[in-house]
Amino acid sequence: MAQPRVVTIHYTLTNDQGEELDSSRVEGREPLSYVEGAQNIIGGLENALNEKNAGDQVKVSVEPGEGYGEVNEELVQPVPRSAFEGVDTIEPGMQFQAQTPGGPQVVRVVEVGDETVTIDANHPLAGQTLHFDVEVVEAREATDEEQEHGHAH
């Protein structure tokens, strides 16, 4: 099997409406580096970048199944307002870290009622087709340490 690579990319992410959701091309941001096969980036994007090299430019659309998944309605649920003890103002769009049996989970407030707050534990990009415009800046063999740690150094 080939040695895993560290791939460094500049990217711009847009949604179906063409709205920019994220970009490494913003002033002050560095390109993104990841170790192939270490699940550092979503599968659909990594698959599209396999065997790409420095200077390659790729436009790829990633369906939810290869991105952040479909929206799971079971992850949208009301919780008692008392669960937000100590928080004076709760508004839709706010994010909180909740302790769950599976460990910490980021939840987003969807709706605020008198007695309950509806939260959504889906990834904010779940259910969306993601459009990436990518430039491969560098591709090199991963060091033993990078492979062991699962991320680029």
N, C-alpha and C. Protein backbone atom coordinates (compact mmCIF):
# COMPACT_ATOMS: atom_id res chain seq x y z
N MET A 1 0.85 -1.19 0.00
CA MET A 1 0.00 0.00 0.00
C MET A 1 0.89 1.25 0.00
N ALA A 2 0.44 2.26 -0.72
CA ALA A 2 1.22 3.50 -0.83
C ALA A 2 1.24 4.24 0.51
N GLN A 3 2.33 4.94 0.70
CA GLN A 3 2.49 5.78 1.91
C GLN A 3 1.42 6.87 1.89
N PRO A 4 0.69 7.08 2.99
CA PRO A 4 -0.28 8.18 3.02
C PRO A 4 0.42 9.52 2.77
N ARG A 5 -0.33 10.45 2.21
CA ARG A 5 0.22 11.76 1.92
C ARG A 5 -0.41 12.81 2.82
N VAL A 6 0.32 13.90 2.99
CA VAL A 6 -0.24 15.12 3.57
C VAL A 6 -0.55 16.00 2.36
N VAL A 7 -1.81 16.39 2.26
CA VAL A 7 -2.25 17.23 1.15
C VAL A 7 -2.65 18.58 1.73
N THR A 8 -2.16 19.63 1.12
CA THR A 8 -2.46 20.99 1.56
C THR A 8 -3.26 21.66 0.46
N ILE A 9 -4.41 22.23 0.84
CA ILE A 9 -5.32 22.81 -0.14
C ILE A 9 -5.79 24.20 0.28
N HIS A 10 -6.10 25.01 -0.73
CA HIS A 10 -6.90 26.20 -0.54
C HIS A 10 -8.28 25.83 -1.07
N TYR A 11 -9.33 26.26 -0.39
CA TYR A 11 -10.68 25.90 -0.81
C TYR A 11 -11.66 27.03 -0.56
N THR A 12 -12.72 26.99 -1.33
CA THR A 12 -13.89 27.82 -1.07
C THR A 12 -15.08 26.89 -1.11
N LEU A 13 -15.93 26.98 -0.08
CA LEU A 13 -17.11 26.15 0.04
C LEU A 13 -18.35 27.01 -0.16
N THR A 14 -19.24 26.58 -1.07
CA THR A 14 -20.50 27.28 -1.29
C THR A 14 -21.66 26.28 -1.19
N ASN A 15 -22.86 26.83 -0.99
CA ASN A 15 -24.05 25.99 -0.97
C ASN A 15 -24.72 26.02 -2.34
N ASP A 16 -25.90 25.38 -2.44
CA ASP A 16 -26.61 25.33 -3.73
C ASP A 16 -27.00 26.71 -4.25
N GLN A 17 -27.15 27.68 -3.35
CA GLN A 17 -27.51 29.04 -3.76
C GLN A 17 -26.29 29.87 -4.15
N GLY A 18 -25.10 29.28 -4.05
CA GLY A 18 -23.88 29.99 -4.40
C GLY A 18 -23.34 30.87 -3.28
N GLU A 19 -23.94 30.77 -2.09
CA GLU A 19 -23.46 31.55 -0.95
C GLU A 19 -22.18 30.93 -0.40
N GLU A 20 -21.18 31.77 -0.15
CA GLU A 20 -19.92 31.27 0.40
C GLU A 20 -20.12 30.94 1.88
N LEU A 21 -19.82 29.69 2.23
CA LEU A 21 -19.96 29.23 3.61
C LEU A 21 -18.64 29.23 4.36
N ASP A 22 -17.54 29.02 3.64
CA ASP A 22 -16.23 28.97 4.26
C ASP A 22 -15.17 29.08 3.17
N SER A 23 -14.01 29.59 3.54
CA SER A 23 -12.92 29.68 2.58
C SER A 23 -11.60 29.82 3.31
N SER A 24 -10.59 29.15 2.79
CA SER A 24 -9.23 29.32 3.32
C SER A 24 -8.54 30.46 2.59
N ARG A 25 -9.20 31.01 1.58
CA ARG A 25 -8.59 32.08 0.78
C ARG A 25 -8.80 33.46 1.38
N VAL A 26 -9.38 33.52 2.56
CA VAL A 26 -9.62 34.78 3.26
C VAL A 26 -8.29 35.25 3.86
N GLU A 27 -8.05 36.55 3.80
CA GLU A 27 -6.81 37.09 4.35
C GLU A 27 -6.63 36.65 5.80
N GLY A 28 -5.43 36.22 6.10
CA GLY A 28 -5.11 35.78 7.46
C GLY A 28 -5.32 34.29 7.69
N ARG A 29 -5.92 33.59 6.73
CA ARG A 29 -6.14 32.15 6.88
C ARG A 29 -5.06 31.39 6.14
N GLU A 30 -4.69 30.28 6.69
CA GLU A 30 -3.71 29.39 6.06
C GLU A 30 -4.45 28.33 5.25
N PRO A 31 -3.77 27.74 4.28
CA PRO A 31 -4.40 26.61 3.58
C PRO A 31 -4.60 25.46 4.57
N LEU A 32 -5.48 24.54 4.24
CA LEU A 32 -5.82 23.40 5.07
C LEU A 32 -4.94 22.21 4.69
N SER A 33 -4.34 21.57 5.69
CA SER A 33 -3.55 20.36 5.46
C SER A 33 -4.23 19.19 6.14
N TYR A 34 -4.24 18.05 5.46
CA TYR A 34 -4.83 16.85 6.04
C TYR A 34 -4.02 15.62 5.63
N VAL A 35 -4.13 14.57 6.44
CA VAL A 35 -3.48 13.29 6.14
C VAL A 35 -4.51 12.41 5.45
N GLU A 36 -4.17 11.93 4.26
CA GLU A 36 -5.09 11.07 3.53
C GLU A 36 -5.44 9.84 4.36
N GLY A 37 -6.72 9.51 4.37
CA GLY A 37 -7.18 8.32 5.07
C GLY A 37 -7.37 8.48 6.56
N ALA A 38 -7.06 9.64 7.12
CA ALA A 38 -7.18 9.85 8.57
C ALA A 38 -8.51 10.49 8.95
N GLN A 39 -9.41 10.63 7.99
CA GLN A 39 -10.74 11.20 8.21
C GLN A 39 -10.66 12.61 8.79
N ASN A 40 -9.69 13.40 8.30
CA ASN A 40 -9.56 14.80 8.72
C ASN A 40 -10.56 15.69 7.99
N ILE A 41 -11.01 15.27 6.80
CA ILE A 41 -11.98 16.04 6.02
C ILE A 41 -13.10 15.10 5.58
N ILE A 42 -14.21 15.66 5.11
CA ILE A 42 -15.34 14.81 4.71
C ILE A 42 -14.94 13.90 3.55
N GLY A 43 -15.51 12.70 3.57
CA GLY A 43 -15.14 11.66 2.62
C GLY A 43 -15.29 12.04 1.16
N GLY A 44 -16.38 12.71 0.82
CA GLY A 44 -16.61 13.07 -0.58
C GLY A 44 -15.55 14.00 -1.13
N LEU A 45 -15.06 14.90 -0.31
CA LEU A 45 -14.00 15.81 -0.75
C LEU A 45 -12.68 15.06 -0.84
N GLU A 46 -12.38 14.26 0.17
CA GLU A 46 -11.12 13.50 0.13
C GLU A 46 -11.07 12.58 -1.08
N ASN A 47 -12.17 11.89 -1.37
CA ASN A 47 -12.19 10.99 -2.53
C ASN A 47 -11.91 11.75 -3.82
N ALA A 48 -12.44 12.96 -3.96
CA ALA A 48 -12.24 13.76 -5.17
C ALA A 48 -10.79 14.23 -5.30
N LEU A 49 -10.08 14.30 -4.17
CA LEU A 49 -8.70 14.80 -4.19
C LEU A 49 -7.66 13.69 -4.24
N ASN A 50 -8.09 12.42 -4.16
CA ASN A 50 -7.13 11.32 -4.25
C ASN A 50 -6.32 11.44 -5.54
N GLU A 51 -5.03 11.27 -5.39
CA GLU A 51 -4.09 11.28 -6.51
C GLU A 51 -3.93 12.64 -7.17
N LYS A 52 -4.46 13.69 -6.57
CA LYS A 52 -4.24 15.04 -7.10
C LYS A 52 -2.90 15.54 -6.57
N ASN A 53 -2.29 16.43 -7.31
CA ASN A 53 -0.96 16.93 -6.96
C ASN A 53 -0.94 18.45 -6.97
N ALA A 54 0.15 19.00 -6.46
CA ALA A 54 0.32 20.45 -6.39
C ALA A 54 0.00 21.08 -7.75
N GLY A 55 -0.79 22.15 -7.70
CA GLY A 55 -1.17 22.85 -8.92
C GLY A 55 -2.50 22.40 -9.50
N ASP A 56 -2.98 21.21 -9.09
CA ASP A 56 -4.27 20.73 -9.60
C ASP A 56 -5.40 21.58 -9.03
N GLN A 57 -6.39 21.85 -9.87
CA GLN A 57 -7.58 22.58 -9.42
C GLN A 57 -8.77 21.66 -9.64
N VAL A 58 -9.64 21.59 -8.62
CA VAL A 58 -10.76 20.67 -8.66
C VAL A 58 -12.01 21.39 -8.19
N LYS A 59 -13.11 21.17 -8.92
CA LYS A 59 -14.43 21.61 -8.46
C LYS A 59 -15.21 20.34 -8.22
N VAL A 60 -15.76 20.22 -7.02
CA VAL A 60 -16.49 19.00 -6.66
C VAL A 60 -17.73 19.35 -5.85
N SER A 61 -18.81 18.65 -6.15
CA SER A 61 -20.04 18.76 -5.37
C SER A 61 -20.16 17.49 -4.54
N VAL A 62 -20.38 17.67 -3.24
CA VAL A 62 -20.45 16.54 -2.31
C VAL A 62 -21.88 16.44 -1.79
N GLU A 63 -22.51 15.30 -2.07
CA GLU A 63 -23.87 15.05 -1.59
C GLU A 63 -23.84 14.80 -0.08
N PRO A 64 -24.97 15.00 0.60
CA PRO A 64 -25.00 14.83 2.05
C PRO A 64 -24.44 13.49 2.56
N GLY A 65 -24.68 12.41 1.84
CA GLY A 65 -24.20 11.10 2.27
C GLY A 65 -22.70 10.99 2.35
N GLU A 66 -21.99 11.82 1.59
CA GLU A 66 -20.52 11.81 1.62
C GLU A 66 -19.99 13.07 2.31
N GLY A 67 -20.92 13.84 2.89
CA GLY A 67 -20.56 15.07 3.59
C GLY A 67 -20.87 14.93 5.07
N TYR A 68 -21.84 15.73 5.51
CA TYR A 68 -22.21 15.73 6.93
C TYR A 68 -23.49 14.95 7.20
N GLY A 69 -23.92 14.15 6.23
CA GLY A 69 -25.07 13.28 6.42
C GLY A 69 -26.39 14.00 6.18
N GLU A 70 -27.45 13.21 6.18
CA GLU A 70 -28.80 13.74 6.06
C GLU A 70 -29.22 14.29 7.42
N VAL A 71 -30.22 15.14 7.42
CA VAL A 71 -30.77 15.66 8.67
C VAL A 71 -31.48 14.52 9.38
N ASN A 72 -31.14 14.30 10.64
CA ASN A 72 -31.77 13.28 11.47
C ASN A 72 -32.77 14.00 12.38
N GLU A 73 -34.07 13.83 12.10
CA GLU A 73 -35.11 14.55 12.85
C GLU A 73 -35.09 14.19 14.34
N GLU A 74 -34.55 13.02 14.69
CA GLU A 74 -34.48 12.62 16.10
C GLU A 74 -33.50 13.50 16.88
N LEU A 75 -32.62 14.20 16.17
CA LEU A 75 -31.65 15.08 16.83
C LEU A 75 -32.21 16.50 17.03
N VAL A 76 -33.47 16.71 16.62
CA VAL A 76 -34.15 17.97 16.86
C VAL A 76 -35.19 17.68 17.94
N GLN A 77 -35.01 18.29 19.11
CA GLN A 77 -35.93 17.97 20.20
C GLN A 77 -36.05 19.10 21.21
N PRO A 78 -37.21 19.16 21.86
CA PRO A 78 -37.39 20.17 22.90
C PRO A 78 -36.73 19.70 24.20
N VAL A 79 -36.14 20.65 24.91
CA VAL A 79 -35.59 20.37 26.24
C VAL A 79 -36.14 21.43 27.19
N PRO A 80 -36.22 21.10 28.47
CA PRO A 80 -36.73 22.10 29.42
C PRO A 80 -35.83 23.32 29.44
N ARG A 81 -36.47 24.48 29.53
CA ARG A 81 -35.71 25.73 29.60
C ARG A 81 -34.74 25.71 30.78
N SER A 82 -35.07 24.96 31.82
CA SER A 82 -34.20 24.86 33.00
C SER A 82 -32.84 24.25 32.67
N ALA A 83 -32.73 23.56 31.52
CA ALA A 83 -31.45 22.98 31.11
C ALA A 83 -30.43 24.07 30.79
N PHE A 84 -30.91 25.32 30.65
CA PHE A 84 -30.04 26.45 30.31
C PHE A 84 -29.85 27.36 31.53
N GLU A 85 -29.84 26.75 32.69
CA GLU A 85 -29.69 27.51 33.94
C GLU A 85 -28.44 28.38 33.89
N GLY A 86 -28.59 29.63 34.27
CA GLY A 86 -27.46 30.55 34.27
C GLY A 86 -27.30 31.32 32.97
N VAL A 87 -28.08 30.98 31.95
CA VAL A 87 -28.02 31.69 30.67
C VAL A 87 -29.20 32.67 30.65
N ASP A 88 -28.90 33.95 30.63
CA ASP A 88 -29.95 34.97 30.69
C ASP A 88 -30.76 35.07 29.41
N THR A 89 -30.09 35.05 28.28
CA THR A 89 -30.77 35.22 27.00
C THR A 89 -30.53 34.01 26.13
N ILE A 90 -31.60 33.42 25.64
CA ILE A 90 -31.51 32.27 24.73
C ILE A 90 -32.23 32.68 23.45
N GLU A 91 -31.51 32.60 22.32
CA GLU A 91 -32.09 33.00 21.04
C GLU A 91 -31.79 31.96 19.98
N PRO A 92 -32.69 31.81 18.98
CA PRO A 92 -32.42 30.89 17.88
C PRO A 92 -31.08 31.21 17.23
N GLY A 93 -30.35 30.16 16.87
CA GLY A 93 -29.04 30.31 16.24
C GLY A 93 -27.89 30.17 17.22
N MET A 94 -28.16 30.37 18.52
CA MET A 94 -27.10 30.22 19.52
C MET A 94 -26.67 28.75 19.57
N GLN A 95 -25.40 28.54 19.89
CA GLN A 95 -24.87 27.19 20.02
C GLN A 95 -24.38 26.96 21.45
N PHE A 96 -24.59 25.74 21.90
CA PHE A 96 -24.15 25.34 23.24
C PHE A 96 -23.52 23.97 23.15
N GLN A 97 -22.67 23.65 24.10
CA GLN A 97 -22.11 22.31 24.20
C GLN A 97 -22.90 21.57 25.26
N ALA A 98 -23.50 20.45 24.86
CA ALA A 98 -24.30 19.65 25.78
C ALA A 98 -23.53 18.38 26.13
N GLN A 99 -23.70 17.92 27.35
CA GLN A 99 -23.10 16.65 27.76
C GLN A 99 -24.10 15.54 27.46
N THR A 100 -23.69 14.57 26.65
CA THR A 100 -24.57 13.45 26.28
C THR A 100 -23.89 12.15 26.68
N PRO A 101 -24.64 11.04 26.67
CA PRO A 101 -24.01 9.75 26.99
C PRO A 101 -22.84 9.42 26.06
N GLY A 102 -22.87 9.97 24.83
CA GLY A 102 -21.79 9.74 23.88
C GLY A 102 -20.66 10.76 23.97
N GLY A 103 -20.73 11.65 24.97
CA GLY A 103 -19.71 12.68 25.13
C GLY A 103 -20.26 14.05 24.76
N PRO A 104 -19.39 15.07 24.74
CA PRO A 104 -19.86 16.43 24.44
C PRO A 104 -20.43 16.53 23.03
N GLN A 105 -21.50 17.30 22.87
CA GLN A 105 -22.17 17.47 21.58
C GLN A 105 -22.56 18.93 21.43
N VAL A 106 -22.24 19.52 20.28
CA VAL A 106 -22.66 20.90 20.02
C VAL A 106 -24.10 20.86 19.54
N VAL A 107 -24.94 21.69 20.16
CA VAL A 107 -26.34 21.81 19.76
C VAL A 107 -26.63 23.26 19.42
N ARG A 108 -27.57 23.44 18.49
CA ARG A 108 -27.96 24.76 18.03
C ARG A 108 -29.40 25.01 18.47
N VAL A 109 -29.69 26.18 18.97
CA VAL A 109 -31.05 26.54 19.38
C VAL A 109 -31.85 26.85 18.11
N VAL A 110 -33.01 26.19 17.98
CA VAL A 110 -33.87 26.38 16.82
C VAL A 110 -35.07 27.27 17.17
N GLU A 111 -35.64 27.03 18.35
CA GLU A 111 -36.84 27.77 18.74
C GLU A 111 -36.85 27.91 20.26
N VAL A 112 -37.34 29.04 20.74
CA VAL A 112 -37.40 29.29 22.17
C VAL A 112 -38.85 29.52 22.58
N GLY A 113 -39.33 28.69 23.51
CA GLY A 113 -40.68 28.85 24.03
C GLY A 113 -40.62 29.24 25.49
N ASP A 114 -41.78 29.40 26.11
CA ASP A 114 -41.83 29.78 27.52
C ASP A 114 -41.27 28.69 28.43
N GLU A 115 -41.59 27.43 28.12
CA GLU A 115 -41.19 26.31 28.98
C GLU A 115 -40.07 25.47 28.38
N THR A 116 -39.96 25.46 27.04
CA THR A 116 -38.97 24.60 26.39
C THR A 116 -38.13 25.37 25.38
N VAL A 117 -36.99 24.80 25.07
CA VAL A 117 -36.10 25.30 24.04
C VAL A 117 -35.87 24.14 23.07
N THR A 118 -36.16 24.34 21.79
CA THR A 118 -35.94 23.29 20.81
C THR A 118 -34.51 23.40 20.31
N ILE A 119 -33.79 22.27 20.43
CA ILE A 119 -32.39 22.24 20.00
C ILE A 119 -32.22 21.28 18.84
N ASP A 120 -31.15 21.48 18.09
CA ASP A 120 -30.83 20.64 16.93
C ASP A 120 -29.37 20.22 17.08
N ALA A 121 -29.15 18.91 17.18
CA ALA A 121 -27.78 18.39 17.33
C ALA A 121 -27.20 17.93 15.99
N ASN A 122 -27.91 18.15 14.89
CA ASN A 122 -27.36 17.84 13.57
C ASN A 122 -26.22 18.81 13.28
N HIS A 123 -25.26 18.38 12.46
CA HIS A 123 -24.24 19.30 11.99
C HIS A 123 -24.95 20.40 11.20
N PRO A 124 -24.52 21.67 11.33
CA PRO A 124 -25.20 22.75 10.59
C PRO A 124 -25.25 22.54 9.08
N LEU A 125 -24.35 21.74 8.52
CA LEU A 125 -24.34 21.51 7.08
C LEU A 125 -24.99 20.17 6.70
N ALA A 126 -25.60 19.48 7.67
CA ALA A 126 -26.29 18.22 7.37
C ALA A 126 -27.41 18.49 6.37
N GLY A 127 -27.58 17.55 5.45
CA GLY A 127 -28.65 17.66 4.46
C GLY A 127 -28.34 18.56 3.28
N GLN A 128 -27.18 19.18 3.27
CA GLN A 128 -26.84 20.10 2.19
C GLN A 128 -25.83 19.49 1.22
N THR A 129 -26.00 19.81 -0.05
CA THR A 129 -24.98 19.49 -1.04
C THR A 129 -23.94 20.60 -0.95
N LEU A 130 -22.68 20.21 -0.82
CA LEU A 130 -21.59 21.16 -0.61
C LEU A 130 -20.76 21.27 -1.89
N HIS A 131 -20.46 22.48 -2.28
CA HIS A 131 -19.71 22.72 -3.52
C HIS A 131 -18.34 23.31 -3.16
N PHE A 132 -17.30 22.59 -3.52
CA PHE A 132 -15.94 22.99 -3.20
C PHE A 132 -15.19 23.39 -4.47
N ASP A 133 -14.48 24.49 -4.38
CA ASP A 133 -13.54 24.93 -5.41
C ASP A 133 -12.17 24.84 -4.74
N VAL A 134 -11.35 23.89 -5.19
CA VAL A 134 -10.12 23.54 -4.48
C VAL A 134 -8.90 23.70 -5.38
N GLU A 135 -7.83 24.21 -4.77
CA GLU A 135 -6.51 24.23 -5.40
C GLU A 135 -5.57 23.45 -4.49
N VAL A 136 -4.92 22.43 -5.06
CA VAL A 136 -3.94 21.67 -4.29
C VAL A 136 -2.65 22.48 -4.26
N VAL A 137 -2.23 22.85 -3.07
CA VAL A 137 -1.02 23.66 -2.88
C VAL A 137 0.20 22.76 -2.79
N GLU A 138 0.05 21.65 -2.08
CA GLU A 138 1.19 20.74 -1.88
C GLU A 138 0.65 19.34 -1.60
N ALA A 139 1.41 18.34 -2.01
CA ALA A 139 1.13 16.94 -1.67
C ALA A 139 2.47 16.27 -1.45
N ARG A 140 2.64 15.69 -0.26
CA ARG A 140 3.90 15.04 0.08
C ARG A 140 3.62 13.82 0.94
N GLU A 141 4.63 12.96 1.06
CA GLU A 141 4.45 11.80 1.92
C GLU A 141 4.32 12.23 3.37
N ALA A 142 3.42 11.57 4.09
CA ALA A 142 3.26 11.85 5.52
C ALA A 142 4.42 11.23 6.28
N THR A 143 4.88 11.92 7.31
CA THR A 143 5.94 11.35 8.15
C THR A 143 5.33 10.25 9.03
N ASP A 144 6.17 9.43 9.61
CA ASP A 144 5.68 8.39 10.52
C ASP A 144 4.89 9.01 11.66
N GLU A 145 5.38 10.14 12.19
CA GLU A 145 4.70 10.81 13.29
C GLU A 145 3.31 11.32 12.86
N GLU A 146 3.21 11.89 11.65
CA GLU A 146 1.91 12.36 11.16
C GLU A 146 0.94 11.21 10.99
N GLN A 147 1.44 10.08 10.49
CA GLN A 147 0.57 8.92 10.34
C GLN A 147 0.09 8.42 11.70
N GLU A 148 1.00 8.39 12.66
CA GLU A 148 0.66 7.91 14.00
C GLU A 148 -0.36 8.82 14.67
N HIS A 149 -0.16 10.14 14.53
CA HIS A 149 -1.04 11.11 15.17
C HIS A 149 -2.33 11.34 14.38
N GLY A 150 -2.32 11.04 13.08
CA GLY A 150 -3.51 11.21 12.27
C GLY A 150 -3.79 12.62 11.81
N HIS A 151 -2.77 13.49 11.92
CA HIS A 151 -2.93 14.86 11.41
C HIS A 151 -1.57 15.40 10.97
N ALA A 152 -1.64 16.43 10.11
CA ALA A 152 -0.43 17.03 9.56
C ALA A 152 0.26 17.89 10.61
N HIS A 153 1.58 17.92 10.56
CA HIS A 153 2.37 18.78 11.48
C HIS A 153 3.03 19.89 10.71
